[in-house]
């Protein structure tokens, strides 16, 4: 899994983040993971009080390997991508989560 890669790359991949910030995100993942070490949709829904549809979209958004599962590495990468994006890119990424990636953000659908 990508978790082993992250252990060796965390200091360079998450440039601009302190070790404490990376650990904070890891701690959040621990709360959301299932017994197999993967992001749990049910725990995500409970922790963030969101619908199953939103949880599914959010998880799909950070499932970089597109295998239907999100491990710690993908979770950390997703958080890093959101945190490092400029405002326009961040807005577009969040819109993609909300629409399931089916629409592009335009002035007509704001």
PDB file of N, CA and C in Angstrom:
ATOM      1  N   UNK A   1       0.828  -1.192   0.000  1.00  0.00           N
ATOM      2  CA  UNK A   1       0.000   0.000   0.000  1.00  0.00           C
ATOM      3  C   UNK A   1       0.868   1.248   0.000  1.00  0.00           C
ATOM      4  N   UNK A   2       0.225   2.367  -0.330  1.00  0.00           N
ATOM      5  CA  UNK A   2       0.939   3.626  -0.367  1.00  0.00           C
ATOM      6  C   UNK A   2       1.428   4.100   0.980  1.00  0.00           C
ATOM      7  N   UNK A   3       0.892   3.528   2.056  1.00  0.00           N
ATOM      8  CA  UNK A   3       1.294   3.959   3.389  1.00  0.00           C
ATOM      9  C   UNK A   3       2.790   3.811   3.611  1.00  0.00           C
ATOM     10  N   UNK A   4       3.389   2.746   3.074  1.00  0.00           N
ATOM     11  CA  UNK A   4       4.815   2.541   3.246  1.00  0.00           C
ATOM     12  C   UNK A   4       5.608   3.614   2.509  1.00  0.00           C
ATOM     13  N   UNK A   5       5.123   4.011   1.346  1.00  0.00           N
ATOM     14  CA  UNK A   5       5.786   5.061   0.575  1.00  0.00           C
ATOM     15  C   UNK A   5       5.742   6.369   1.343  1.00  0.00           C
ATOM     16  N   UNK A   6       4.583   6.679   1.907  1.00  0.00           N
ATOM     17  CA  UNK A   6       4.427   7.927   2.641  1.00  0.00           C
ATOM     18  C   UNK A   6       5.417   8.039   3.784  1.00  0.00           C
ATOM     19  N   UNK A   7       5.661   6.951   4.476  1.00  0.00           N
ATOM     20  CA  UNK A   7       6.597   6.977   5.596  1.00  0.00           C
ATOM     21  C   UNK A   7       7.966   7.463   5.188  1.00  0.00           C
ATOM     22  N   UNK A   8       8.395   7.120   3.984  1.00  0.00           N
ATOM     23  CA  UNK A   8       9.710   7.542   3.493  1.00  0.00           C
ATOM     24  C   UNK A   8       9.667   8.923   2.861  1.00  0.00           C
ATOM     25  N   UNK A   9       8.489   9.350   2.385  1.00  0.00           N
ATOM     26  CA  UNK A   9       8.420  10.585   1.618  1.00  0.00           C
ATOM     27  C   UNK A   9       7.732  11.729   2.339  1.00  0.00           C
ATOM     28  N   UNK A  10       7.219  11.515   3.530  1.00  0.00           N
ATOM     29  CA  UNK A  10       6.371  12.521   4.154  1.00  0.00           C
ATOM     30  C   UNK A  10       7.038  13.886   4.267  1.00  0.00           C
ATOM     31  N   UNK A  11       8.325  13.926   4.553  1.00  0.00           N
ATOM     32  CA  UNK A  11       8.974  15.217   4.743  1.00  0.00           C
ATOM     33  C   UNK A  11       9.138  15.983   3.435  1.00  0.00           C
ATOM     34  N   UNK A  12       9.228  15.308   2.300  1.00  0.00           N
ATOM     35  CA  UNK A  12       9.363  16.024   1.034  1.00  0.00           C
ATOM     36  C   UNK A  12       8.027  16.200   0.333  1.00  0.00           C
ATOM     37  N   UNK A  13       7.170  15.189   0.397  1.00  0.00           N
ATOM     38  CA  UNK A  13       5.892  15.266  -0.295  1.00  0.00           C
ATOM     39  C   UNK A  13       4.990  16.331   0.313  1.00  0.00           C
ATOM     40  N   UNK A  14       5.034  16.462   1.624  1.00  0.00           N
ATOM     41  CA  UNK A  14       4.182  17.421   2.302  1.00  0.00           C
ATOM     42  C   UNK A  14       4.952  18.678   2.674  1.00  0.00           C
ATOM     43  N   UNK A  15       5.717  19.179   1.724  1.00  0.00           N
ATOM     44  CA  UNK A  15       6.480  20.394   1.916  1.00  0.00           C
ATOM     45  C   UNK A  15       5.520  21.521   2.312  1.00  0.00           C
ATOM     46  N   UNK A  16       5.882  22.278   3.292  1.00  0.00           N
ATOM     47  CA  UNK A  16       5.034  23.355   3.764  1.00  0.00           C
ATOM     48  C   UNK A  16       4.158  22.948   4.940  1.00  0.00           C
ATOM     49  N   UNK A  17       4.111  21.657   5.235  1.00  0.00           N
ATOM     50  CA  UNK A  17       3.376  21.161   6.388  1.00  0.00           C
ATOM     51  C   UNK A  17       4.372  20.778   7.471  1.00  0.00           C
ATOM     52  N   UNK A  18       4.016  21.064   8.703  1.00  0.00           N
ATOM     53  CA  UNK A  18       4.872  20.622   9.798  1.00  0.00           C
ATOM     54  C   UNK A  18       4.600  19.144  10.072  1.00  0.00           C
ATOM     55  N   UNK A  19       5.514  18.506  10.756  1.00  0.00           N
ATOM     56  CA  UNK A  19       5.302  17.109  11.137  1.00  0.00           C
ATOM     57  C   UNK A  19       4.037  16.992  11.999  1.00  0.00           C
ATOM     58  N   UNK A  20       3.796  17.993  12.840  1.00  0.00           N
ATOM     59  CA  UNK A  20       2.604  17.981  13.696  1.00  0.00           C
ATOM     60  C   UNK A  20       1.327  18.038  12.859  1.00  0.00           C
ATOM     61  N   UNK A  21       1.338  18.814  11.775  1.00  0.00           N
ATOM     62  CA  UNK A  21       0.160  18.889  10.901  1.00  0.00           C
ATOM     63  C   UNK A  21      -0.086  17.567  10.185  1.00  0.00           C
ATOM     64  N   UNK A  22       0.987  16.947   9.698  1.00  0.00           N
ATOM     65  CA  UNK A  22       0.852  15.651   9.039  1.00  0.00           C
ATOM     66  C   UNK A  22       0.336  14.628  10.040  1.00  0.00           C
ATOM     67  N   UNK A  23       0.852  14.664  11.264  1.00  0.00           N
ATOM     68  CA  UNK A  23       0.392  13.735  12.297  1.00  0.00           C
ATOM     69  C   UNK A  23      -1.076  13.976  12.640  1.00  0.00           C
ATOM     70  N   UNK A  24      -1.507  15.220  12.649  1.00  0.00           N
ATOM     71  CA  UNK A  24      -2.911  15.549  12.917  1.00  0.00           C
ATOM     72  C   UNK A  24      -3.822  14.889  11.882  1.00  0.00           C
ATOM     73  N   UNK A  25      -3.439  14.964  10.610  1.00  0.00           N
ATOM     74  CA  UNK A  25      -4.237  14.343   9.552  1.00  0.00           C
ATOM     75  C   UNK A  25      -4.210  12.824   9.698  1.00  0.00           C
ATOM     76  N   UNK A  26      -3.054  12.280  10.041  1.00  0.00           N
ATOM     77  CA  UNK A  26      -2.963  10.830  10.285  1.00  0.00           C
ATOM     78  C   UNK A  26      -3.880  10.408  11.435  1.00  0.00           C
ATOM     79  N   UNK A  27      -3.919  11.221  12.478  1.00  0.00           N
ATOM     80  CA  UNK A  27      -4.795  10.919  13.612  1.00  0.00           C
ATOM     81  C   UNK A  27      -6.263  10.947  13.186  1.00  0.00           C
ATOM     82  N   UNK A  28      -6.638  11.889  12.335  1.00  0.00           N
ATOM     83  CA  UNK A  28      -8.014  11.949  11.827  1.00  0.00           C
ATOM     84  C   UNK A  28      -8.333  10.695  11.031  1.00  0.00           C
ATOM     85  N   UNK A  29      -7.375  10.242  10.223  1.00  0.00           N
ATOM     86  CA  UNK A  29      -7.593   9.025   9.447  1.00  0.00           C
ATOM     87  C   UNK A  29      -7.818   7.825  10.364  1.00  0.00           C
ATOM     88  N   UNK A  30      -7.079   7.761  11.461  1.00  0.00           N
ATOM     89  CA  UNK A  30      -7.232   6.645  12.405  1.00  0.00           C
ATOM     90  C   UNK A  30      -8.666   6.549  12.913  1.00  0.00           C
ATOM     91  N   UNK A  31      -9.304   7.689  13.116  1.00  0.00           N
ATOM     92  CA  UNK A  31     -10.690   7.707  13.584  1.00  0.00           C
ATOM     93  C   UNK A  31     -11.645   7.223  12.494  1.00  0.00           C
ATOM     94  N   UNK A  32     -11.298   7.485  11.235  1.00  0.00           N
ATOM     95  CA  UNK A  32     -12.190   7.192  10.108  1.00  0.00           C
ATOM     96  C   UNK A  32     -11.940   5.840   9.453  1.00  0.00           C
ATOM     97  N   UNK A  33     -10.894   5.148   9.837  1.00  0.00           N
ATOM     98  CA  UNK A  33     -10.540   3.910   9.142  1.00  0.00           C
ATOM     99  C   UNK A  33     -11.291   2.714   9.715  1.00  0.00           C
ATOM    100  N   UNK A  34     -11.409   1.693   8.874  1.00  0.00           N
ATOM    101  CA  UNK A  34     -12.028   0.444   9.330  1.00  0.00           C
ATOM    102  C   UNK A  34     -10.940  -0.507   9.815  1.00  0.00           C
ATOM    103  N   UNK A  35     -11.312  -1.734  10.127  1.00  0.00           N
ATOM    104  CA  UNK A  35     -10.341  -2.692  10.658  1.00  0.00           C
ATOM    105  C   UNK A  35      -9.327  -3.168   9.622  1.00  0.00           C
ATOM    106  N   UNK A  36      -9.556  -2.848   8.348  1.00  0.00           N
ATOM    107  CA  UNK A  36      -8.604  -3.198   7.289  1.00  0.00           C
ATOM    108  C   UNK A  36      -7.652  -2.033   6.979  1.00  0.00           C
ATOM    109  N   UNK A  37      -7.820  -0.919   7.686  1.00  0.00           N
ATOM    110  CA  UNK A  37      -6.962   0.236   7.465  1.00  0.00           C
ATOM    111  C   UNK A  37      -7.405   1.119   6.318  1.00  0.00           C
ATOM    112  N   UNK A  38      -8.658   1.002   5.925  1.00  0.00           N
ATOM    113  CA  UNK A  38      -9.197   1.795   4.816  1.00  0.00           C
ATOM    114  C   UNK A  38     -10.249   2.771   5.322  1.00  0.00           C
ATOM    115  N   UNK A  39     -10.416   3.854   4.606  1.00  0.00           N
ATOM    116  CA  UNK A  39     -11.411   4.851   4.976  1.00  0.00           C
ATOM    117  C   UNK A  39     -12.791   4.210   4.977  1.00  0.00           C
ATOM    118  N   UNK A  40     -13.501   4.377   6.071  1.00  0.00           N
ATOM    119  CA  UNK A  40     -14.832   3.809   6.221  1.00  0.00           C
ATOM    120  C   UNK A  40     -15.890   4.855   5.880  1.00  0.00           C
ATOM    121  N   UNK A  41     -16.740   4.545   4.915  1.00  0.00           N
ATOM    122  CA  UNK A  41     -17.816   5.467   4.529  1.00  0.00           C
ATOM    123  C   UNK A  41     -18.741   5.734   5.717  1.00  0.00           C
ATOM    124  N   UNK A  42     -19.068   4.686   6.468  1.00  0.00           N
ATOM    125  CA  UNK A  42     -19.975   4.843   7.614  1.00  0.00           C
ATOM    126  C   UNK A  42     -19.373   5.765   8.679  1.00  0.00           C
ATOM    127  N   UNK A  43     -18.098   5.571   8.977  1.00  0.00           N
ATOM    128  CA  UNK A  43     -17.444   6.420   9.977  1.00  0.00           C
ATOM    129  C   UNK A  43     -17.295   7.846   9.468  1.00  0.00           C
ATOM    130  N   UNK A  44     -17.025   8.007   8.172  1.00  0.00           N
ATOM    131  CA  UNK A  44     -16.939   9.330   7.559  1.00  0.00           C
ATOM    132  C   UNK A  44     -18.270  10.057   7.714  1.00  0.00           C
ATOM    133  N   UNK A  45     -19.368   9.361   7.400  1.00  0.00           N
ATOM    134  CA  UNK A  45     -20.710   9.952   7.499  1.00  0.00           C
ATOM    135  C   UNK A  45     -21.012  10.353   8.938  1.00  0.00           C
ATOM    136  N   UNK A  46     -20.651   9.513   9.880  1.00  0.00           N
ATOM    137  CA  UNK A  46     -20.919   9.795  11.282  1.00  0.00           C
ATOM    138  C   UNK A  46     -20.080  10.970  11.780  1.00  0.00           C
ATOM    139  N   UNK A  47     -18.800  10.971  11.459  1.00  0.00           N
ATOM    140  CA  UNK A  47     -17.889  12.016  11.937  1.00  0.00           C
ATOM    141  C   UNK A  47     -18.220  13.387  11.368  1.00  0.00           C
ATOM    142  N   UNK A  48     -18.615  13.432  10.092  1.00  0.00           N
ATOM    143  CA  UNK A  48     -18.865  14.718   9.438  1.00  0.00           C
ATOM    144  C   UNK A  48     -20.352  15.012   9.250  1.00  0.00           C
ATOM    145  N   UNK A  49     -21.198  14.126   9.799  1.00  0.00           N
ATOM    146  CA  UNK A  49     -22.655  14.298   9.754  1.00  0.00           C
ATOM    147  C   UNK A  49     -23.122  14.665   8.348  1.00  0.00           C
ATOM    148  N   UNK A  50     -22.737  13.847   7.405  1.00  0.00           N
ATOM    149  CA  UNK A  50     -23.087  14.090   6.013  1.00  0.00           C
ATOM    150  C   UNK A  50     -23.891  12.918   5.464  1.00  0.00           C
ATOM    151  N   UNK A  51     -24.470  13.129   4.312  1.00  0.00           N
ATOM    152  CA  UNK A  51     -25.262  12.082   3.667  1.00  0.00           C
ATOM    153  C   UNK A  51     -24.353  11.013   3.071  1.00  0.00           C
ATOM    154  N   UNK A  52     -24.947   9.881   2.791  1.00  0.00           N
ATOM    155  CA  UNK A  52     -24.194   8.807   2.145  1.00  0.00           C
ATOM    156  C   UNK A  52     -23.730   9.251   0.756  1.00  0.00           C
ATOM    157  N   UNK A  53     -24.586  10.022   0.073  1.00  0.00           N
ATOM    158  CA  UNK A  53     -24.227  10.502  -1.267  1.00  0.00           C
ATOM    159  C   UNK A  53     -22.991  11.396  -1.210  1.00  0.00           C
ATOM    160  N   UNK A  54     -22.937  12.315  -0.229  1.00  0.00           N
ATOM    161  CA  UNK A  54     -21.770  13.196  -0.116  1.00  0.00           C
ATOM    162  C   UNK A  54     -20.535  12.397   0.267  1.00  0.00           C
ATOM    163  N   UNK A  55     -20.672  11.486   1.230  1.00  0.00           N
ATOM    164  CA  UNK A  55     -19.529  10.674   1.656  1.00  0.00           C
ATOM    165  C   UNK A  55     -18.979   9.876   0.481  1.00  0.00           C
ATOM    166  N   UNK A  56     -19.860   9.318  -0.313  1.00  0.00           N
ATOM    167  CA  UNK A  56     -19.441   8.537  -1.480  1.00  0.00           C
ATOM    168  C   UNK A  56     -18.668   9.405  -2.460  1.00  0.00           C
ATOM    169  N   UNK A  57     -19.161  10.616  -2.714  1.00  0.00           N
ATOM    170  CA  UNK A  57     -18.487  11.542  -3.638  1.00  0.00           C
ATOM    171  C   UNK A  57     -17.123  11.967  -3.095  1.00  0.00           C
ATOM    172  N   UNK A  58     -17.067  12.278  -1.803  1.00  0.00           N
ATOM    173  CA  UNK A  58     -15.803  12.716  -1.206  1.00  0.00           C
ATOM    174  C   UNK A  58     -14.765  11.596  -1.257  1.00  0.00           C
ATOM    175  N   UNK A  59     -15.193  10.390  -0.938  1.00  0.00           N
ATOM    176  CA  UNK A  59     -14.269   9.257  -0.962  1.00  0.00           C
ATOM    177  C   UNK A  59     -13.815   8.967  -2.388  1.00  0.00           C
ATOM    178  N   UNK A  60     -14.732   9.032  -3.321  1.00  0.00           N
ATOM    179  CA  UNK A  60     -14.372   8.798  -4.726  1.00  0.00           C
ATOM    180  C   UNK A  60     -13.365   9.845  -5.209  1.00  0.00           C
ATOM    181  N   UNK A  61     -13.504  11.069  -4.741  1.00  0.00           N
ATOM    182  CA  UNK A  61     -12.620  12.157  -5.139  1.00  0.00           C
ATOM    183  C   UNK A  61     -11.176  11.895  -4.737  1.00  0.00           C
ATOM    184  N   UNK A  62     -10.963  11.285  -3.564  1.00  0.00           N
ATOM    185  CA  UNK A  62      -9.589  11.049  -3.110  1.00  0.00           C
ATOM    186  C   UNK A  62      -9.117   9.623  -3.364  1.00  0.00           C
ATOM    187  N   UNK A  63      -9.907   8.848  -4.071  1.00  0.00           N
ATOM    188  CA  UNK A  63      -9.522   7.474  -4.427  1.00  0.00           C
ATOM    189  C   UNK A  63      -8.681   7.527  -5.704  1.00  0.00           C
ATOM    190  N   UNK A  64      -7.414   7.902  -5.550  1.00  0.00           N
ATOM    191  CA  UNK A  64      -6.537   8.118  -6.701  1.00  0.00           C
ATOM    192  C   UNK A  64      -6.289   6.855  -7.517  1.00  0.00           C
ATOM    193  N   UNK A  65      -6.337   5.700  -6.871  1.00  0.00           N
ATOM    194  CA  UNK A  65      -6.119   4.451  -7.590  1.00  0.00           C
ATOM    195  C   UNK A  65      -7.400   3.911  -8.213  1.00  0.00           C
ATOM    196  N   UNK A  66      -8.515   4.563  -7.909  1.00  0.00           N
ATOM    197  CA  UNK A  66      -9.826   4.201  -8.454  1.00  0.00           C
ATOM    198  C   UNK A  66     -10.165   2.726  -8.231  1.00  0.00           C
ATOM    199  N   UNK A  67      -9.821   2.234  -7.033  1.00  0.00           N
ATOM    200  CA  UNK A  67     -10.136   0.850  -6.701  1.00  0.00           C
ATOM    201  C   UNK A  67     -11.285   0.745  -5.704  1.00  0.00           C
ATOM    202  N   UNK A  68     -11.932   1.881  -5.419  1.00  0.00           N
ATOM    203  CA  UNK A  68     -13.062   1.891  -4.506  1.00  0.00           C
ATOM    204  C   UNK A  68     -12.674   1.915  -3.042  1.00  0.00           C
ATOM    205  N   UNK A  69     -11.375   2.027  -2.765  1.00  0.00           N
ATOM    206  CA  UNK A  69     -10.884   2.051  -1.392  1.00  0.00           C
ATOM    207  C   UNK A  69      -9.900   3.195  -1.217  1.00  0.00           C
ATOM    208  N   UNK A  70      -9.869   3.774  -0.033  1.00  0.00           N
ATOM    209  CA  UNK A  70      -8.942   4.863   0.257  1.00  0.00           C
ATOM    210  C   UNK A  70      -8.108   4.475   1.469  1.00  0.00           C
ATOM    211  N   UNK A  71      -6.787   4.407   1.256  1.00  0.00           N
ATOM    212  CA  UNK A  71      -5.887   4.109   2.369  1.00  0.00           C
ATOM    213  C   UNK A  71      -5.327   5.417   2.929  1.00  0.00           C
ATOM    214  N   UNK A  72      -4.469   5.303   3.921  1.00  0.00           N
ATOM    215  CA  UNK A  72      -3.936   6.498   4.579  1.00  0.00           C
ATOM    216  C   UNK A  72      -3.188   7.403   3.602  1.00  0.00           C
ATOM    217  N   UNK A  73      -2.428   6.832   2.716  1.00  0.00           N
ATOM    218  CA  UNK A  73      -1.657   7.620   1.758  1.00  0.00           C
ATOM    219  C   UNK A  73      -2.569   8.451   0.863  1.00  0.00           C
ATOM    220  N   UNK A  74      -3.604   7.837   0.323  1.00  0.00           N
ATOM    221  CA  UNK A  74      -4.538   8.576  -0.529  1.00  0.00           C
ATOM    222  C   UNK A  74      -5.252   9.667   0.271  1.00  0.00           C
ATOM    223  N   UNK A  75      -5.612   9.365   1.511  1.00  0.00           N
ATOM    224  CA  UNK A  75      -6.265  10.348   2.370  1.00  0.00           C
ATOM    225  C   UNK A  75      -5.356  11.544   2.586  1.00  0.00           C
ATOM    226  N   UNK A  76      -4.101  11.289   2.923  1.00  0.00           N
ATOM    227  CA  UNK A  76      -3.144  12.377   3.140  1.00  0.00           C
ATOM    228  C   UNK A  76      -2.914  13.183   1.858  1.00  0.00           C
ATOM    229  N   UNK A  77      -2.814  12.496   0.732  1.00  0.00           N
ATOM    230  CA  UNK A  77      -2.626  13.189  -0.547  1.00  0.00           C
ATOM    231  C   UNK A  77      -3.826  14.068  -0.876  1.00  0.00           C
ATOM    232  N   UNK A  78      -5.024  13.556  -0.607  1.00  0.00           N
ATOM    233  CA  UNK A  78      -6.238  14.338  -0.851  1.00  0.00           C
ATOM    234  C   UNK A  78      -6.277  15.595  -0.015  1.00  0.00           C
ATOM    235  N   UNK A  79      -5.944  15.473   1.268  1.00  0.00           N
ATOM    236  CA  UNK A  79      -5.906  16.640   2.152  1.00  0.00           C
ATOM    237  C   UNK A  79      -4.834  17.622   1.674  1.00  0.00           C
ATOM    238  N   UNK A  80      -3.665  17.112   1.319  1.00  0.00           N
ATOM    239  CA  UNK A  80      -2.578  17.979   0.842  1.00  0.00           C
ATOM    240  C   UNK A  80      -2.983  18.703  -0.429  1.00  0.00           C
ATOM    241  N   UNK A  81      -3.657  18.011  -1.337  1.00  0.00           N
ATOM    242  CA  UNK A  81      -4.096  18.640  -2.589  1.00  0.00           C
ATOM    243  C   UNK A  81      -5.068  19.775  -2.312  1.00  0.00           C
ATOM    244  N   UNK A  82      -5.991  19.552  -1.407  1.00  0.00           N
ATOM    245  CA  UNK A  82      -6.947  20.605  -1.063  1.00  0.00           C
ATOM    246  C   UNK A  82      -6.265  21.782  -0.380  1.00  0.00           C
ATOM    247  N   UNK A  83      -5.334  21.506   0.514  1.00  0.00           N
ATOM    248  CA  UNK A  83      -4.656  22.570   1.256  1.00  0.00           C
ATOM    249  C   UNK A  83      -3.692  23.382   0.403  1.00  0.00           C
ATOM    250  N   UNK A  84      -3.104  22.752  -0.605  1.00  0.00           N
ATOM    251  CA  UNK A  84      -2.110  23.439  -1.436  1.00  0.00           C
ATOM    252  C   UNK A  84      -2.696  24.134  -2.650  1.00  0.00           C
ATOM    253  N   UNK A  85      -3.975  23.955  -2.895  1.00  0.00           N
ATOM    254  CA  UNK A  85      -4.597  24.549  -4.075  1.00  0.00           C
ATOM    255  C   UNK A  85      -4.854  26.042  -3.863  1.00  0.00           C
ATOM    256  N   UNK A  86      -4.721  26.809  -4.939  1.00  0.00           N
ATOM    257  CA  UNK A  86      -5.118  28.205  -4.838  1.00  0.00           C
ATOM    258  C   UNK A  86      -6.646  28.255  -4.760  1.00  0.00           C
ATOM    259  N   UNK A  87      -7.200  29.420  -4.477  1.00  0.00           N
ATOM    260  CA  UNK A  87      -8.634  29.523  -4.216  1.00  0.00           C
ATOM    261  C   UNK A  87      -9.482  29.022  -5.379  1.00  0.00           C
ATOM    262  N   UNK A  88      -9.122  29.376  -6.601  1.00  0.00           N
ATOM    263  CA  UNK A  88      -9.906  28.947  -7.765  1.00  0.00           C
ATOM    264  C   UNK A  88      -9.876  27.435  -7.913  1.00  0.00           C
ATOM    265  N   UNK A  89      -8.701  26.845  -7.746  1.00  0.00           N
ATOM    266  CA  UNK A  89      -8.567  25.388  -7.870  1.00  0.00           C
ATOM    267  C   UNK A  89      -9.300  24.685  -6.727  1.00  0.00           C
ATOM    268  N   UNK A  90      -9.182  25.221  -5.520  1.00  0.00           N
ATOM    269  CA  UNK A  90      -9.876  24.648  -4.369  1.00  0.00           C
ATOM    270  C   UNK A  90     -11.387  24.670  -4.590  1.00  0.00           C
ATOM    271  N   UNK A  91     -11.897  25.787  -5.058  1.00  0.00           N
ATOM    272  CA  UNK A  91     -13.326  25.904  -5.327  1.00  0.00           C
ATOM    273  C   UNK A  91     -13.756  24.881  -6.368  1.00  0.00           C
ATOM    274  N   UNK A  92     -12.965  24.726  -7.423  1.00  0.00           N
ATOM    275  CA  UNK A  92     -13.293  23.754  -8.459  1.00  0.00           C
ATOM    276  C   UNK A  92     -13.249  22.325  -7.910  1.00  0.00           C
ATOM    277  N   UNK A  93     -12.249  22.011  -7.083  1.00  0.00           N
ATOM    278  CA  UNK A  93     -12.158  20.667  -6.509  1.00  0.00           C
ATOM    279  C   UNK A  93     -13.359  20.364  -5.616  1.00  0.00           C
ATOM    280  N   UNK A  94     -13.746  21.329  -4.778  1.00  0.00           N
ATOM    281  CA  UNK A  94     -14.907  21.117  -3.914  1.00  0.00           C
ATOM    282  C   UNK A  94     -16.182  20.971  -4.735  1.00  0.00           C
ATOM    283  N   UNK A  95     -16.305  21.742  -5.802  1.00  0.00           N
ATOM    284  CA  UNK A  95     -17.461  21.622  -6.687  1.00  0.00           C
ATOM    285  C   UNK A  95     -17.496  20.236  -7.326  1.00  0.00           C
ATOM    286  N   UNK A  96     -16.331  19.720  -7.697  1.00  0.00           N
ATOM    287  CA  UNK A  96     -16.262  18.374  -8.277  1.00  0.00           C
ATOM    288  C   UNK A  96     -16.729  17.319  -7.276  1.00  0.00           C
ATOM    289  N   UNK A  97     -16.382  17.513  -6.000  1.00  0.00           N
ATOM    290  CA  UNK A  97     -16.856  16.585  -4.966  1.00  0.00           C
ATOM    291  C   UNK A  97     -18.378  16.650  -4.881  1.00  0.00           C
ATOM    292  N   UNK A  98     -18.912  17.847  -4.835  1.00  0.00           N
ATOM    293  CA  UNK A  98     -20.359  18.019  -4.670  1.00  0.00           C
ATOM    294  C   UNK A  98     -21.157  17.511  -5.858  1.00  0.00           C
ATOM    295  N   UNK A  99     -20.600  17.614  -7.054  1.00  0.00           N
ATOM    296  CA  UNK A  99     -21.331  17.181  -8.252  1.00  0.00           C
ATOM    297  C   UNK A  99     -20.914  15.793  -8.711  1.00  0.00           C
ATOM    298  N   UNK A 100     -20.010  15.182  -8.000  1.00  0.00           N
ATOM    299  CA  UNK A 100     -19.542  13.861  -8.397  1.00  0.00           C
ATOM    300  C   UNK A 100     -18.669  13.894  -9.632  1.00  0.00           C
ATOM    301  N   UNK A 101     -18.089  15.053  -9.949  1.00  0.00           N
ATOM    302  CA  UNK A 101     -17.188  15.178 -11.091  1.00  0.00           C
ATOM    303  C   UNK A 101     -17.893  15.242 -12.428  1.00  0.00           C
ATOM    304  N   UNK A 102     -19.202  15.422 -12.414  1.00  0.00           N
ATOM    305  CA  UNK A 102     -19.954  15.403 -13.670  1.00  0.00           C
ATOM    306  C   UNK A 102     -20.055  16.771 -14.330  1.00  0.00           C
ATOM    307  N   UNK A 103     -19.749  17.818 -13.581  1.00  0.00           N
ATOM    308  CA  UNK A 103     -19.868  19.165 -14.130  1.00  0.00           C
ATOM    309  C   UNK A 103     -18.592  19.946 -13.862  1.00  0.00           C
ATOM    310  N   UNK A 104     -18.352  20.917 -14.698  1.00  0.00           N
ATOM    311  CA  UNK A 104     -17.277  21.869 -14.460  1.00  0.00           C
ATOM    312  C   UNK A 104     -17.908  23.116 -13.868  1.00  0.00           C
ATOM    313  N   UNK A 105     -17.189  23.792 -13.004  1.00  0.00           N
ATOM    314  CA  UNK A 105     -17.683  25.007 -12.385  1.00  0.00           C
ATOM    315  C   UNK A 105     -17.691  26.136 -13.412  1.00  0.00           C
ATOM    316  N   UNK A 106     -18.856  26.701 -13.617  1.00  0.00           N
ATOM    317  CA  UNK A 106     -19.009  27.839 -14.530  1.00  0.00           C
ATOM    318  C   UNK A 106     -19.871  28.889 -13.849  1.00  0.00           C
ATOM    319  N   UNK A 107     -19.925  30.090 -14.437  1.00  0.00           N
ATOM    320  CA  UNK A 107     -20.751  31.147 -13.848  1.00  0.00           C
ATOM    321  C   UNK A 107     -22.227  30.775 -13.861  1.00  0.00           C
ATOM    322  N   UNK A 108     -22.653  29.945 -14.801  1.00  0.00           N
ATOM    323  CA  UNK A 108     -24.074  29.599 -14.891  1.00  0.00           C
ATOM    324  C   UNK A 108     -24.531  28.620 -13.826  1.00  0.00           C
ATOM    325  N   UNK A 109     -23.611  27.866 -13.217  1.00  0.00           N
ATOM    326  CA  UNK A 109     -24.053  26.924 -12.198  1.00  0.00           C
ATOM    327  C   UNK A 109     -23.534  27.264 -10.803  1.00  0.00           C
ATOM    328  N   UNK A 110     -23.190  28.538 -10.590  1.00  0.00           N
ATOM    329  CA  UNK A 110     -22.780  28.981  -9.253  1.00  0.00           C
ATOM    330  C   UNK A 110     -23.979  29.081  -8.353  1.00  0.00           C
TER     331      UNK A 110
END
